Structure formats: C-alpha cells, structure tokens
Amino acid sequence: MKVRYCWRCRIDVPMLDEEESKIASRLYAEGFQEFKKSKKIPLKENFTKLLNYYNDLTGFGETEPNAILHHIIDLYGPDCENCGKPYRTEKATFCTKCGNKRQF
C-alpha cells in the first residue's frame, strides 16, 4: 500500500499494491456473486467484505466499493517530475495537474 493522488477522487488515498489488489478484486467479484444469490439484499451491502478489507488495511474509511478498484498503484504512471502527482497512465506524455511535459 502506498498513499498517492487519485484523479477520480481528487485527493490522496491509499493505493493497493499488486498482491493487495488481487485480494480486493476477488472480494469485489464475491460481492456480485452474493448479490446474484440473494437479490433482496441491497447491492452495496454485498461488498461489506471488500470495504472491511480495504478499511482495515488502510485505515481510510472508504464507503464506495467501486472506488477501491481504481485505488490500485499499477493503474497509474510514475510521479510527475514537477508536481509529484502521478501521471494518469504509464504512457501519459504530460501531467494534467500541472501541464508538465514528461521526459522519457
């Protein structure tokens, strides 16, 4: 886990590493499987295991299961040389936060 800036949330959040994200992805899939079994339970309640896993691991207090799946380190590029925010992707050529042109 590493705290990095999230472009969607527009704040610094704990991002999951590769191993942690595998566990989170499995728990996310289990949430949908549980929903298919019992459609009487509201969809969001089926992701309690995922939310508990992420919150226990990070101490962050996330309430939106979908947000956890974009809080994964490998989805973003390296940090901008100018402002320190991560590039949106590994192949991004400029930083959308500060406009810095990336040096390859």
PDB file of N, CA and C in Angstrom:
ATOM      1  N   MET A   1       0.836  -1.176   0.000  1.00  0.00           N
ATOM      2  CA  MET A   1       0.000   0.000   0.000  1.00  0.00           C
ATOM      3  C   MET A   1       0.885   1.245   0.000  1.00  0.00           C
ATOM      4  N   LYS A   2       0.422   2.235  -0.740  1.00  0.00           N
ATOM      5  CA  LYS A   2       1.141   3.496  -0.819  1.00  0.00           C
ATOM      6  C   LYS A   2       0.111   4.605  -1.015  1.00  0.00           C
ATOM      7  N   VAL A   3       0.255   5.705  -0.334  1.00  0.00           N
ATOM      8  CA  VAL A   3      -0.660   6.832  -0.496  1.00  0.00           C
ATOM      9  C   VAL A   3      -0.242   7.622  -1.734  1.00  0.00           C
ATOM     10  N   ARG A   4      -1.200   7.781  -2.652  1.00  0.00           N
ATOM     11  CA  ARG A   4      -0.963   8.526  -3.891  1.00  0.00           C
ATOM     12  C   ARG A   4      -2.216   9.327  -4.232  1.00  0.00           C
ATOM     13  N   TYR A   5      -2.056  10.270  -5.129  1.00  0.00           N
ATOM     14  CA  TYR A   5      -3.173  11.094  -5.582  1.00  0.00           C
ATOM     15  C   TYR A   5      -4.059  10.294  -6.522  1.00  0.00           C
ATOM     16  N   CYS A   6      -5.369  10.369  -6.326  1.00  0.00           N
ATOM     17  CA  CYS A   6      -6.334   9.707  -7.198  1.00  0.00           C
ATOM     18  C   CYS A   6      -7.021  10.773  -8.049  1.00  0.00           C
ATOM     19  N   TRP A   7      -6.961  10.595  -9.340  1.00  0.00           N
ATOM     20  CA  TRP A   7      -7.547  11.566 -10.262  1.00  0.00           C
ATOM     21  C   TRP A   7      -9.062  11.603 -10.167  1.00  0.00           C
ATOM     22  N   ARG A   8      -9.683  10.489  -9.925  1.00  0.00           N
ATOM     23  CA  ARG A   8     -11.145  10.461  -9.837  1.00  0.00           C
ATOM     24  C   ARG A   8     -11.637  11.100  -8.538  1.00  0.00           C
ATOM     25  N   CYS A   9     -10.978  10.775  -7.436  1.00  0.00           N
ATOM     26  CA  CYS A   9     -11.391  11.289  -6.128  1.00  0.00           C
ATOM     27  C   CYS A   9     -10.855  12.691  -5.855  1.00  0.00           C
ATOM     28  N   ARG A  10      -9.783  13.049  -6.529  1.00  0.00           N
ATOM     29  CA  ARG A  10      -9.113  14.351  -6.385  1.00  0.00           C
ATOM     30  C   ARG A  10      -8.550  14.581  -4.985  1.00  0.00           C
ATOM     31  N   ILE A  11      -8.085  13.485  -4.372  1.00  0.00           N
ATOM     32  CA  ILE A  11      -7.429  13.553  -3.064  1.00  0.00           C
ATOM     33  C   ILE A  11      -6.365  12.460  -3.009  1.00  0.00           C
ATOM     34  N   ASP A  12      -5.496  12.560  -2.024  1.00  0.00           N
ATOM     35  CA  ASP A  12      -4.530  11.492  -1.769  1.00  0.00           C
ATOM     36  C   ASP A  12      -5.252  10.362  -1.050  1.00  0.00           C
ATOM     37  N   VAL A  13      -5.095   9.144  -1.563  1.00  0.00           N
ATOM     38  CA  VAL A  13      -5.743   7.970  -0.969  1.00  0.00           C
ATOM     39  C   VAL A  13      -4.754   6.811  -0.907  1.00  0.00           C
ATOM     40  N   PRO A  14      -5.003   5.854  -0.020  1.00  0.00           N
ATOM     41  CA  PRO A  14      -4.165   4.657  -0.002  1.00  0.00           C
ATOM     42  C   PRO A  14      -4.433   3.817  -1.252  1.00  0.00           C
ATOM     43  N   MET A  15      -3.379   3.539  -1.997  1.00  0.00           N
ATOM     44  CA  MET A  15      -3.483   2.717  -3.209  1.00  0.00           C
ATOM     45  C   MET A  15      -2.925   1.330  -2.903  1.00  0.00           C
ATOM     46  N   LEU A  16      -3.575   0.324  -3.458  1.00  0.00           N
ATOM     47  CA  LEU A  16      -3.198  -1.059  -3.207  1.00  0.00           C
ATOM     48  C   LEU A  16      -2.082  -1.512  -4.140  1.00  0.00           C
ATOM     49  N   ASP A  17      -1.184  -2.341  -3.609  1.00  0.00           N
ATOM     50  CA  ASP A  17      -0.136  -2.923  -4.453  1.00  0.00           C
ATOM     51  C   ASP A  17      -0.710  -4.142  -5.173  1.00  0.00           C
ATOM     52  N   GLU A  18       0.121  -4.834  -5.919  1.00  0.00           N
ATOM     53  CA  GLU A  18      -0.347  -5.938  -6.758  1.00  0.00           C
ATOM     54  C   GLU A  18      -1.028  -7.043  -5.956  1.00  0.00           C
ATOM     55  N   GLU A  19      -0.411  -7.480  -4.881  1.00  0.00           N
ATOM     56  CA  GLU A  19      -0.969  -8.566  -4.068  1.00  0.00           C
ATOM     57  C   GLU A  19      -2.276  -8.134  -3.390  1.00  0.00           C
ATOM     58  N   GLU A  20      -2.272  -6.940  -2.840  1.00  0.00           N
ATOM     59  CA  GLU A  20      -3.473  -6.425  -2.176  1.00  0.00           C
ATOM     60  C   GLU A  20      -4.628  -6.249  -3.168  1.00  0.00           C
ATOM     61  N   SER A  21      -4.302  -5.807  -4.383  1.00  0.00           N
ATOM     62  CA  SER A  21      -5.350  -5.595  -5.388  1.00  0.00           C
ATOM     63  C   SER A  21      -5.947  -6.917  -5.864  1.00  0.00           C
ATOM     64  N   LYS A  22      -5.170  -7.989  -5.864  1.00  0.00           N
ATOM     65  CA  LYS A  22      -5.711  -9.310  -6.220  1.00  0.00           C
ATOM     66  C   LYS A  22      -6.766  -9.738  -5.207  1.00  0.00           C
ATOM     67  N   ILE A  23      -6.480  -9.528  -3.934  1.00  0.00           N
ATOM     68  CA  ILE A  23      -7.436  -9.870  -2.881  1.00  0.00           C
ATOM     69  C   ILE A  23      -8.688  -9.006  -3.012  1.00  0.00           C
ATOM     70  N   ALA A  24      -8.500  -7.711  -3.243  1.00  0.00           N
ATOM     71  CA  ALA A  24      -9.642  -6.802  -3.391  1.00  0.00           C
ATOM     72  C   ALA A  24     -10.495  -7.181  -4.598  1.00  0.00           C
ATOM     73  N   SER A  25      -9.869  -7.554  -5.697  1.00  0.00           N
ATOM     74  CA  SER A  25     -10.616  -7.954  -6.899  1.00  0.00           C
ATOM     75  C   SER A  25     -11.437  -9.218  -6.642  1.00  0.00           C
ATOM     76  N   ARG A  26     -10.855 -10.151  -5.902  1.00  0.00           N
ATOM     77  CA  ARG A  26     -11.575 -11.380  -5.562  1.00  0.00           C
ATOM     78  C   ARG A  26     -12.785 -11.059  -4.686  1.00  0.00           C
ATOM     79  N   LEU A  27     -12.597 -10.193  -3.695  1.00  0.00           N
ATOM     80  CA  LEU A  27     -13.700  -9.814  -2.812  1.00  0.00           C
ATOM     81  C   LEU A  27     -14.776  -9.030  -3.563  1.00  0.00           C
ATOM     82  N   TYR A  28     -14.381  -8.247  -4.537  1.00  0.00           N
ATOM     83  CA  TYR A  28     -15.327  -7.498  -5.371  1.00  0.00           C
ATOM     84  C   TYR A  28     -16.191  -8.478  -6.171  1.00  0.00           C
ATOM     85  N   ALA A  29     -15.546  -9.476  -6.773  1.00  0.00           N
ATOM     86  CA  ALA A  29     -16.282 -10.492  -7.535  1.00  0.00           C
ATOM     87  C   ALA A  29     -17.230 -11.272  -6.621  1.00  0.00           C
ATOM     88  N   GLU A  30     -16.784 -11.590  -5.416  1.00  0.00           N
ATOM     89  CA  GLU A  30     -17.635 -12.295  -4.452  1.00  0.00           C
ATOM     90  C   GLU A  30     -18.866 -11.464  -4.100  1.00  0.00           C
ATOM     91  N   GLY A  31     -18.718 -10.155  -4.037  1.00  0.00           N
ATOM     92  CA  GLY A  31     -19.850  -9.282  -3.742  1.00  0.00           C
ATOM     93  C   GLY A  31     -20.945  -9.406  -4.788  1.00  0.00           C
ATOM     94  N   PHE A  32     -20.548  -9.496  -6.067  1.00  0.00           N
ATOM     95  CA  PHE A  32     -21.541  -9.676  -7.130  1.00  0.00           C
ATOM     96  C   PHE A  32     -22.161 -11.066  -7.085  1.00  0.00           C
ATOM     97  N   GLN A  33     -21.359 -12.068  -6.749  1.00  0.00           N
ATOM     98  CA  GLN A  33     -21.889 -13.431  -6.639  1.00  0.00           C
ATOM     99  C   GLN A  33     -22.932 -13.511  -5.527  1.00  0.00           C
ATOM    100  N   GLU A  34     -22.661 -12.852  -4.408  1.00  0.00           N
ATOM    101  CA  GLU A  34     -23.619 -12.836  -3.305  1.00  0.00           C
ATOM    102  C   GLU A  34     -24.903 -12.119  -3.710  1.00  0.00           C
ATOM    103  N   PHE A  35     -24.768 -11.058  -4.488  1.00  0.00           N
ATOM    104  CA  PHE A  35     -25.945 -10.325  -4.956  1.00  0.00           C
ATOM    105  C   PHE A  35     -26.820 -11.201  -5.850  1.00  0.00           C
ATOM    106  N   LYS A  36     -26.195 -12.002  -6.707  1.00  0.00           N
ATOM    107  CA  LYS A  36     -26.948 -12.897  -7.586  1.00  0.00           C
ATOM    108  C   LYS A  36     -27.734 -13.937  -6.780  1.00  0.00           C
ATOM    109  N   LYS A  37     -27.147 -14.392  -5.674  1.00  0.00           N
ATOM    110  CA  LYS A  37     -27.802 -15.403  -4.840  1.00  0.00           C
ATOM    111  C   LYS A  37     -29.008 -14.832  -4.088  1.00  0.00           C
ATOM    112  N   SER A  38     -28.851 -13.629  -3.583  1.00  0.00           N
ATOM    113  CA  SER A  38     -29.901 -13.029  -2.754  1.00  0.00           C
ATOM    114  C   SER A  38     -30.154 -11.598  -3.198  1.00  0.00           C
ATOM    115  N   LYS A  39     -31.035 -11.426  -4.134  1.00  0.00           N
ATOM    116  CA  LYS A  39     -31.313 -10.096  -4.678  1.00  0.00           C
ATOM    117  C   LYS A  39     -32.134  -9.221  -3.734  1.00  0.00           C
ATOM    118  N   LYS A  40     -32.524  -9.756  -2.594  1.00  0.00           N
ATOM    119  CA  LYS A  40     -33.290  -8.965  -1.635  1.00  0.00           C
ATOM    120  C   LYS A  40     -32.396  -8.016  -0.848  1.00  0.00           C
ATOM    121  N   ILE A  41     -31.122  -8.346  -0.739  1.00  0.00           N
ATOM    122  CA  ILE A  41     -30.169  -7.506  -0.022  1.00  0.00           C
ATOM    123  C   ILE A  41     -29.700  -6.407  -0.981  1.00  0.00           C
ATOM    124  N   PRO A  42     -29.680  -5.142  -0.539  1.00  0.00           N
ATOM    125  CA  PRO A  42     -29.189  -4.069  -1.415  1.00  0.00           C
ATOM    126  C   PRO A  42     -27.769  -4.365  -1.912  1.00  0.00           C
ATOM    127  N   LEU A  43     -27.524  -4.065  -3.157  1.00  0.00           N
ATOM    128  CA  LEU A  43     -26.252  -4.381  -3.802  1.00  0.00           C
ATOM    129  C   LEU A  43     -25.048  -3.949  -2.975  1.00  0.00           C
ATOM    130  N   LYS A  44     -25.066  -2.733  -2.464  1.00  0.00           N
ATOM    131  CA  LYS A  44     -23.906  -2.206  -1.738  1.00  0.00           C
ATOM    132  C   LYS A  44     -23.561  -3.029  -0.491  1.00  0.00           C
ATOM    133  N   GLU A  45     -24.560  -3.613   0.136  1.00  0.00           N
ATOM    134  CA  GLU A  45     -24.321  -4.410   1.346  1.00  0.00           C
ATOM    135  C   GLU A  45     -23.547  -5.695   1.056  1.00  0.00           C
ATOM    136  N   ASN A  46     -23.562  -6.146  -0.186  1.00  0.00           N
ATOM    137  CA  ASN A  46     -22.829  -7.359  -0.550  1.00  0.00           C
ATOM    138  C   ASN A  46     -21.317  -7.136  -0.609  1.00  0.00           C
ATOM    139  N   PHE A  47     -20.890  -5.901  -0.540  1.00  0.00           N
ATOM    140  CA  PHE A  47     -19.466  -5.587  -0.638  1.00  0.00           C
ATOM    141  C   PHE A  47     -18.847  -5.272   0.722  1.00  0.00           C
ATOM    142  N   THR A  48     -19.515  -5.700   1.776  1.00  0.00           N
ATOM    143  CA  THR A  48     -19.020  -5.443   3.130  1.00  0.00           C
ATOM    144  C   THR A  48     -17.627  -6.038   3.335  1.00  0.00           C
ATOM    145  N   LYS A  49     -17.384  -7.251   2.833  1.00  0.00           N
ATOM    146  CA  LYS A  49     -16.072  -7.892   2.992  1.00  0.00           C
ATOM    147  C   LYS A  49     -14.983  -7.062   2.320  1.00  0.00           C
ATOM    148  N   LEU A  50     -15.275  -6.549   1.132  1.00  0.00           N
ATOM    149  CA  LEU A  50     -14.311  -5.721   0.406  1.00  0.00           C
ATOM    150  C   LEU A  50     -14.037  -4.428   1.157  1.00  0.00           C
ATOM    151  N   LEU A  51     -15.090  -3.755   1.577  1.00  0.00           N
ATOM    152  CA  LEU A  51     -14.915  -2.493   2.310  1.00  0.00           C
ATOM    153  C   LEU A  51     -14.155  -2.709   3.614  1.00  0.00           C
ATOM    154  N   ASN A  52     -14.491  -3.772   4.330  1.00  0.00           N
ATOM    155  CA  ASN A  52     -13.786  -4.068   5.581  1.00  0.00           C
ATOM    156  C   ASN A  52     -12.316  -4.373   5.325  1.00  0.00           C
ATOM    157  N   TYR A  53     -12.037  -5.141   4.274  1.00  0.00           N
ATOM    158  CA  TYR A  53     -10.651  -5.466   3.930  1.00  0.00           C
ATOM    159  C   TYR A  53      -9.856  -4.186   3.661  1.00  0.00           C
ATOM    160  N   TYR A  54     -10.365  -3.344   2.792  1.00  0.00           N
ATOM    161  CA  TYR A  54      -9.664  -2.116   2.415  1.00  0.00           C
ATOM    162  C   TYR A  54      -9.510  -1.180   3.619  1.00  0.00           C
ATOM    163  N   ASN A  55     -10.578  -1.005   4.374  1.00  0.00           N
ATOM    164  CA  ASN A  55     -10.530  -0.084   5.509  1.00  0.00           C
ATOM    165  C   ASN A  55      -9.638  -0.590   6.636  1.00  0.00           C
ATOM    166  N   ASP A  56      -9.655  -1.893   6.883  1.00  0.00           N
ATOM    167  CA  ASP A  56      -8.768  -2.463   7.897  1.00  0.00           C
ATOM    168  C   ASP A  56      -7.309  -2.344   7.471  1.00  0.00           C
ATOM    169  N   LEU A  57      -7.057  -2.554   6.195  1.00  0.00           N
ATOM    170  CA  LEU A  57      -5.696  -2.490   5.665  1.00  0.00           C
ATOM    171  C   LEU A  57      -5.152  -1.060   5.654  1.00  0.00           C
ATOM    172  N   THR A  58      -6.002  -0.109   5.261  1.00  0.00           N
ATOM    173  CA  THR A  58      -5.535   1.258   5.037  1.00  0.00           C
ATOM    174  C   THR A  58      -5.886   2.238   6.152  1.00  0.00           C
ATOM    175  N   GLY A  59      -6.950   1.936   6.901  1.00  0.00           N
ATOM    176  CA  GLY A  59      -7.417   2.873   7.906  1.00  0.00           C
ATOM    177  C   GLY A  59      -8.125   4.081   7.301  1.00  0.00           C
ATOM    178  N   PHE A  60      -8.505   3.993   6.035  1.00  0.00           N
ATOM    179  CA  PHE A  60      -9.042   5.144   5.300  1.00  0.00           C
ATOM    180  C   PHE A  60     -10.518   5.392   5.551  1.00  0.00           C
ATOM    181  N   GLY A  61     -11.357   4.389   5.604  1.00  0.00           N
ATOM    182  CA  GLY A  61     -12.790   4.574   5.807  1.00  0.00           C
ATOM    183  C   GLY A  61     -13.572   4.745   4.514  1.00  0.00           C
ATOM    184  N   GLU A  62     -13.182   4.013   3.470  1.00  0.00           N
ATOM    185  CA  GLU A  62     -13.876   4.073   2.175  1.00  0.00           C
ATOM    186  C   GLU A  62     -15.297   3.534   2.321  1.00  0.00           C
ATOM    187  N   THR A  63     -16.247   4.164   1.632  1.00  0.00           N
ATOM    188  CA  THR A  63     -17.641   3.729   1.663  1.00  0.00           C
ATOM    189  C   THR A  63     -18.150   3.293   0.296  1.00  0.00           C
ATOM    190  N   GLU A  64     -17.376   3.503  -0.745  1.00  0.00           N
ATOM    191  CA  GLU A  64     -17.786   3.185  -2.111  1.00  0.00           C
ATOM    192  C   GLU A  64     -16.945   2.028  -2.660  1.00  0.00           C
ATOM    193  N   PRO A  65     -17.545   0.843  -2.823  1.00  0.00           N
ATOM    194  CA  PRO A  65     -16.785  -0.322  -3.299  1.00  0.00           C
ATOM    195  C   PRO A  65     -16.106  -0.108  -4.654  1.00  0.00           C
ATOM    196  N   ASN A  66     -16.770   0.582  -5.576  1.00  0.00           N
ATOM    197  CA  ASN A  66     -16.192   0.795  -6.901  1.00  0.00           C
ATOM    198  C   ASN A  66     -14.910   1.628  -6.852  1.00  0.00           C
ATOM    199  N   ALA A  67     -14.826   2.535  -5.903  1.00  0.00           N
ATOM    200  CA  ALA A  67     -13.637   3.383  -5.793  1.00  0.00           C
ATOM    201  C   ALA A  67     -12.392   2.552  -5.477  1.00  0.00           C
ATOM    202  N   ILE A  68     -12.576   1.501  -4.710  1.00  0.00           N
ATOM    203  CA  ILE A  68     -11.428   0.679  -4.318  1.00  0.00           C
ATOM    204  C   ILE A  68     -10.724   0.098  -5.539  1.00  0.00           C
ATOM    205  N   LEU A  69     -11.479  -0.251  -6.563  1.00  0.00           N
ATOM    206  CA  LEU A  69     -10.862  -0.862  -7.743  1.00  0.00           C
ATOM    207  C   LEU A  69     -10.115   0.123  -8.622  1.00  0.00           C
ATOM    208  N   HIS A  70     -10.235   1.400  -8.381  1.00  0.00           N
ATOM    209  CA  HIS A  70      -9.339   2.330  -9.080  1.00  0.00           C
ATOM    210  C   HIS A  70      -8.295   2.930  -8.130  1.00  0.00           C
ATOM    211  N   HIS A  71      -8.226   2.386  -6.941  1.00  0.00           N
ATOM    212  CA  HIS A  71      -7.172   2.753  -5.998  1.00  0.00           C
ATOM    213  C   HIS A  71      -6.103   1.658  -6.007  1.00  0.00           C
ATOM    214  N   ILE A  72      -5.560   1.432  -7.188  1.00  0.00           N
ATOM    215  CA  ILE A  72      -4.546   0.402  -7.400  1.00  0.00           C
ATOM    216  C   ILE A  72      -3.320   1.057  -8.032  1.00  0.00           C
ATOM    217  N   ILE A  73      -2.181   0.914  -7.391  1.00  0.00           N
ATOM    218  CA  ILE A  73      -0.946   1.577  -7.820  1.00  0.00           C
ATOM    219  C   ILE A  73      -0.636   1.342  -9.290  1.00  0.00           C
ATOM    220  N   ASP A  74      -0.771   0.095  -9.752  1.00  0.00           N
ATOM    221  CA  ASP A  74      -0.372  -0.255 -11.113  1.00  0.00           C
ATOM    222  C   ASP A  74      -1.213   0.384 -12.206  1.00  0.00           C
ATOM    223  N   LEU A  75      -2.346   0.987 -11.871  1.00  0.00           N
ATOM    224  CA  LEU A  75      -3.187   1.638 -12.873  1.00  0.00           C
ATOM    225  C   LEU A  75      -2.630   2.995 -13.300  1.00  0.00           C
ATOM    226  N   TYR A  76      -1.743   3.563 -12.488  1.00  0.00           N
ATOM    227  CA  TYR A  76      -1.227   4.908 -12.722  1.00  0.00           C
ATOM    228  C   TYR A  76       0.227   4.859 -13.180  1.00  0.00           C
ATOM    229  N   GLY A  77       0.674   5.974 -13.733  1.00  0.00           N
ATOM    230  CA  GLY A  77       2.061   6.088 -14.161  1.00  0.00           C
ATOM    231  C   GLY A  77       2.940   6.567 -13.019  1.00  0.00           C
ATOM    232  N   PRO A  78       4.186   6.890 -13.339  1.00  0.00           N
ATOM    233  CA  PRO A  78       5.102   7.391 -12.310  1.00  0.00           C
ATOM    234  C   PRO A  78       4.702   8.798 -11.872  1.00  0.00           C
ATOM    235  N   ASP A  79       5.311   9.266 -10.799  1.00  0.00           N
ATOM    236  CA  ASP A  79       5.035  10.610 -10.312  1.00  0.00           C
ATOM    237  C   ASP A  79       5.617  11.652 -11.263  1.00  0.00           C
ATOM    238  N   CYS A  80       4.891  12.754 -11.419  1.00  0.00           N
ATOM    239  CA  CYS A  80       5.348  13.878 -12.241  1.00  0.00           C
ATOM    240  C   CYS A  80       6.613  14.463 -11.621  1.00  0.00           C
ATOM    241  N   GLU A  81       7.561  14.806 -12.466  1.00  0.00           N
ATOM    242  CA  GLU A  81       8.828  15.377 -12.006  1.00  0.00           C
ATOM    243  C   GLU A  81       8.623  16.778 -11.425  1.00  0.00           C
ATOM    244  N   ASN A  82       7.531  17.440 -11.825  1.00  0.00           N
ATOM    245  CA  ASN A  82       7.300  18.821 -11.419  1.00  0.00           C
ATOM    246  C   ASN A  82       6.421  18.922 -10.163  1.00  0.00           C
ATOM    247  N   CYS A  83       5.246  18.284 -10.173  1.00  0.00           N
ATOM    248  CA  CYS A  83       4.307  18.459  -9.054  1.00  0.00           C
ATOM    249  C   CYS A  83       4.203  17.246  -8.131  1.00  0.00           C
ATOM    250  N   GLY A  84       4.707  16.111  -8.576  1.00  0.00           N
ATOM    251  CA  GLY A  84       4.694  14.919  -7.738  1.00  0.00           C
ATOM    252  C   GLY A  84       3.428  14.085  -7.808  1.00  0.00           C
ATOM    253  N   LYS A  85       2.406  14.565  -8.518  1.00  0.00           N
ATOM    254  CA  LYS A  85       1.190  13.766  -8.693  1.00  0.00           C
ATOM    255  C   LYS A  85       1.471  12.702  -9.750  1.00  0.00           C
ATOM    256  N   PRO A  86       0.829  11.542  -9.651  1.00  0.00           N
ATOM    257  CA  PRO A  86       1.105  10.502 -10.648  1.00  0.00           C
ATOM    258  C   PRO A  86       0.507  10.860 -12.006  1.00  0.00           C
ATOM    259  N   TYR A  87       1.237  10.470 -13.046  1.00  0.00           N
ATOM    260  CA  TYR A  87       0.660  10.576 -14.386  1.00  0.00           C
ATOM    261  C   TYR A  87      -0.539   9.646 -14.429  1.00  0.00           C
ATOM    262  N   ARG A  88      -1.524   9.979 -15.244  1.00  0.00           N
ATOM    263  CA  ARG A  88      -2.759   9.185 -15.262  1.00  0.00           C
ATOM    264  C   ARG A  88      -2.535   7.761 -15.747  1.00  0.00           C
ATOM    265  N   THR A  89      -1.575   7.575 -16.631  1.00  0.00           N
ATOM    266  CA  THR A  89      -1.258   6.237 -17.127  1.00  0.00           C
ATOM    267  C   THR A  89       0.253   6.105 -17.257  1.00  0.00           C
ATOM    268  N   GLU A  90       0.702   4.901 -17.488  1.00  0.00           N
ATOM    269  CA  GLU A  90       2.129   4.635 -17.685  1.00  0.00           C
ATOM    270  C   GLU A  90       2.652   5.338 -18.932  1.00  0.00           C
ATOM    271  N   LYS A  91       1.796   5.502 -19.954  1.00  0.00           N
ATOM    272  CA  LYS A  91       2.222   6.083 -21.229  1.00  0.00           C
ATOM    273  C   LYS A  91       1.900   7.569 -21.374  1.00  0.00           C
ATOM    274  N   ALA A  92       1.358   8.200 -20.343  1.00  0.00           N
ATOM    275  CA  ALA A  92       0.991   9.616 -20.421  1.00  0.00           C
ATOM    276  C   ALA A  92       2.207  10.470 -20.765  1.00  0.00           C
ATOM    277  N   THR A  93       1.999  11.455 -21.636  1.00  0.00           N
ATOM    278  CA  THR A  93       3.110  12.314 -22.074  1.00  0.00           C
ATOM    279  C   THR A  93       3.131  13.655 -21.362  1.00  0.00           C
ATOM    280  N   PHE A  94       2.050  13.995 -20.660  1.00  0.00           N
ATOM    281  CA  PHE A  94       2.055  15.231 -19.885  1.00  0.00           C
ATOM    282  C   PHE A  94       1.198  15.065 -18.634  1.00  0.00           C
ATOM    283  N   CYS A  95       1.469  15.884 -17.655  1.00  0.00           N
ATOM    284  CA  CYS A  95       0.740  15.855 -16.386  1.00  0.00           C
ATOM    285  C   CYS A  95      -0.479  16.760 -16.515  1.00  0.00           C
ATOM    286  N   THR A  96      -1.653  16.219 -16.300  1.00  0.00           N
ATOM    287  CA  THR A  96      -2.860  17.027 -16.399  1.00  0.00           C
ATOM    288  C   THR A  96      -3.052  17.937 -15.186  1.00  0.00           C
ATOM    289  N   LYS A  97      -2.326  17.698 -14.128  1.00  0.00           N
ATOM    290  CA  LYS A  97      -2.429  18.541 -12.932  1.00  0.00           C
ATOM    291  C   LYS A  97      -1.653  19.845 -13.099  1.00  0.00           C
ATOM    292  N   CYS A  98      -0.429  19.750 -13.629  1.00  0.00           N
ATOM    293  CA  CYS A  98       0.406  20.948 -13.732  1.00  0.00           C
ATOM    294  C   CYS A  98       0.842  21.271 -15.164  1.00  0.00           C
ATOM    295  N   GLY A  99       0.574  20.382 -16.116  1.00  0.00           N
ATOM    296  CA  GLY A  99       0.924  20.640 -17.508  1.00  0.00           C
ATOM    297  C   GLY A  99       2.352  20.286 -17.888  1.00  0.00           C
ATOM    298  N   ASN A 100       3.102  19.689 -16.977  1.00  0.00           N
ATOM    299  CA  ASN A 100       4.493  19.330 -17.250  1.00  0.00           C
ATOM    300  C   ASN A 100       4.569  18.306 -18.381  1.00  0.00           C
ATOM    301  N   LYS A 101       5.485  18.529 -19.297  1.00  0.00           N
ATOM    302  CA  LYS A 101       5.721  17.550 -20.379  1.00  0.00           C
ATOM    303  C   LYS A 101       6.702  16.511 -19.846  1.00  0.00           C
ATOM    304  N   ARG A 102       6.299  15.281 -19.950  1.00  0.00           N
ATOM    305  CA  ARG A 102       7.080  14.168 -19.391  1.00  0.00           C
ATOM    306  C   ARG A 102       8.344  13.898 -20.199  1.00  0.00           C
ATOM    307  N   GLN A 103       9.418  13.668 -19.466  1.00  0.00           N
ATOM    308  CA  GLN A 103      10.703  13.306 -20.085  1.00  0.00           C
ATOM    309  C   GLN A 103      10.866  11.792 -20.034  1.00  0.00           C
ATOM    310  N   PHE A 104      10.983  11.163 -21.204  1.00  0.00           N
ATOM    311  CA  PHE A 104      11.156   9.714 -21.272  1.00  0.00           C
ATOM    312  C   PHE A 104      12.615   9.347 -21.316  1.00  0.00           C
TER     313      PHE A 104
END
